[in-house]
Amino acid sequence: MSESILQLSRASVPRKSERIAARSVDGKAVVVVLDARKLHTLNVVGTRVFELCDGTRNLASIAAEIASELDVSAEIVERDTITFLTKMIDEGAIEIAGAGDSR
């Protein structure tokens, strides 16, 4: 199943792909998608969202935490988080827990 056709919802539970290597450098995540041999450098907010993608939090709780930390509207953060996660899913860096796997 292609991840790019997956529709994200507030209940979606994102997690980091097992096919990445990631490190934090100066507060920014550097993510290498091994299969695609692509390197991504995330900004501070993207890094925080990426850190929270641990397979236990849903999209709504990730967005709420970011909104609280940044004192920004939850609706804006949720929209931006969906956009960011959709890109990271398409790139192979993030997966949705339970979407076509046996976990």
Protein backbone atom coordinates (compact mmCIF):
# COMPACT_ATOMS: atom_id res chain seq x y z
CA MET A 1 0.00 0.00 0.00
CA SER A 2 1.37 3.38 -0.96
CA GLU A 3 1.69 5.65 2.05
CA SER A 4 1.03 8.72 -0.12
CA ILE A 5 -2.63 7.76 -0.59
CA LEU A 6 -3.11 7.46 3.16
CA GLN A 7 -5.43 10.10 4.59
CA LEU A 8 -4.27 11.59 7.86
CA SER A 9 -6.79 12.34 10.55
CA ARG A 10 -6.60 13.72 14.07
CA ALA A 11 -6.59 10.11 15.29
CA SER A 12 -3.64 9.02 13.10
CA VAL A 13 -0.65 7.83 15.14
CA PRO A 14 2.61 8.68 13.35
CA ARG A 15 5.91 6.99 14.09
CA LYS A 16 9.40 7.19 12.66
CA SER A 17 10.12 4.68 9.92
CA GLU A 18 12.54 1.88 10.72
CA ARG A 19 14.26 2.73 7.41
CA ILE A 20 15.78 6.02 8.56
CA ALA A 21 18.81 7.26 10.39
CA ALA A 22 18.28 10.44 12.40
CA ARG A 23 20.36 12.69 14.62
CA SER A 24 19.83 16.06 16.24
CA VAL A 25 22.45 18.68 15.48
CA ASP A 26 22.16 22.13 17.08
CA GLY A 27 18.48 21.52 17.85
CA LYS A 28 17.64 20.49 14.30
CA ALA A 29 17.01 16.93 13.16
CA VAL A 30 18.98 15.50 10.28
CA VAL A 31 17.03 12.59 8.79
CA VAL A 32 18.34 10.19 6.19
CA VAL A 33 15.79 7.98 4.44
CA LEU A 34 17.90 4.93 3.70
CA ASP A 35 15.86 3.42 0.86
CA ALA A 36 15.61 6.71 -1.01
CA ARG A 37 19.09 7.90 0.00
CA LYS A 38 17.62 11.30 0.79
CA LEU A 39 18.77 13.70 3.47
CA HIS A 40 16.35 16.05 5.22
CA THR A 41 17.31 18.81 7.63
CA LEU A 42 14.32 19.86 9.74
CA ASN A 43 13.82 23.24 11.33
CA VAL A 44 13.23 23.52 15.08
CA VAL A 45 9.45 23.06 14.86
CA GLY A 46 9.74 20.19 12.36
CA THR A 47 12.29 18.59 14.68
CA ARG A 48 9.89 18.83 17.61
CA VAL A 49 7.04 17.27 15.61
CA PHE A 50 9.43 14.54 14.45
CA GLU A 51 10.50 13.85 18.05
CA LEU A 52 6.86 13.47 19.10
CA CYS A 53 6.19 10.89 16.35
CA ASP A 54 6.87 7.96 18.64
CA GLY A 55 3.94 5.71 17.73
CA THR A 56 2.05 6.48 20.96
CA ARG A 57 0.66 9.98 20.32
CA ASN A 58 -1.99 10.78 17.77
CA LEU A 59 -1.81 13.76 15.44
CA ALA A 60 -4.21 15.81 17.57
CA SER A 61 -2.10 15.39 20.71
CA ILE A 62 1.12 16.20 18.85
CA ALA A 63 -0.44 19.38 17.46
CA ALA A 64 -1.87 20.33 20.87
CA GLU A 65 1.54 19.92 22.51
CA ILE A 66 3.27 22.02 19.84
CA ALA A 67 0.55 24.68 20.06
CA SER A 68 0.99 24.84 23.83
CA GLU A 69 4.79 25.05 23.59
CA LEU A 70 4.65 27.82 20.96
CA ASP A 71 1.51 29.58 22.24
CA VAL A 72 -0.08 29.32 18.80
CA SER A 73 -3.59 28.39 17.68
CA ALA A 74 -4.13 24.61 17.78
CA GLU A 75 -6.02 24.76 14.47
CA ILE A 76 -3.07 26.37 12.68
CA VAL A 77 -0.58 23.93 14.20
CA GLU A 78 -2.79 20.97 13.33
CA ARG A 79 -3.06 22.06 9.69
CA ASP A 80 0.70 22.63 9.47
CA THR A 81 1.41 19.32 11.21
CA ILE A 82 -0.75 17.46 8.67
CA THR A 83 1.11 19.16 5.82
CA PHE A 84 4.50 18.33 7.35
CA LEU A 85 3.63 14.71 8.17
CA THR A 86 2.14 14.13 4.73
CA LYS A 87 5.45 15.22 3.19
CA MET A 88 7.45 13.06 5.61
CA ILE A 89 5.21 10.05 4.88
CA ASP A 90 5.64 10.57 1.13
CA GLU A 91 9.42 10.75 1.66
CA GLY A 92 9.40 7.52 3.70
CA ALA A 93 10.58 9.06 6.99
CA ILE A 94 7.28 8.65 8.88
CA GLU A 95 4.73 5.84 8.93
CA ILE A 96 1.26 5.65 10.45
CA ALA A 97 1.05 3.02 13.16
CA GLY A 98 -1.35 0.26 12.19
CA ALA A 99 -1.54 1.29 8.53
CA GLY A 100 -0.97 -1.96 6.67
CA ASP A 101 1.48 -3.47 9.16
CA SER A 102 1.31 -6.17 11.78
CA ARG A 103 2.21 -4.02 14.80
